[in-house]
Amino acid sequence: MGQVLLAILNLYSVILLIRVLLSWFPDIDHYSQPVQLLYAVTEPVLSPIRTFLRQQFPEMGMFDFSPLVVFFGIMILSQLIVAVF
């Protein structure tokens, strides 16, 4: 069970990393089906964190640290899964 959860978290980390990297390329068609899939999978997790960070730290400006928070959360969850299973 623990290995399955770790595999899911690792897959989600890769998907999130791809989304972050795609944001660096403005010429990418954001309406293409693969990009829309990435957004559909990652936005439900990123959006509440982004909203919280903007409320708590309005001076962050245009920087979006929500992927870093999610990566950090995945690291913590992975360590907990390894410890429990």
Foldseek 3Di string as FASTA:
>chain_A
DLVVVLVVLVVLLVLLVVLVVVVVPPVDDCPDPVNVVSCVVCVVQQVVVQVVCCVVCVVPPPDRCSSVVSVVVSVVVNVVSVVVD
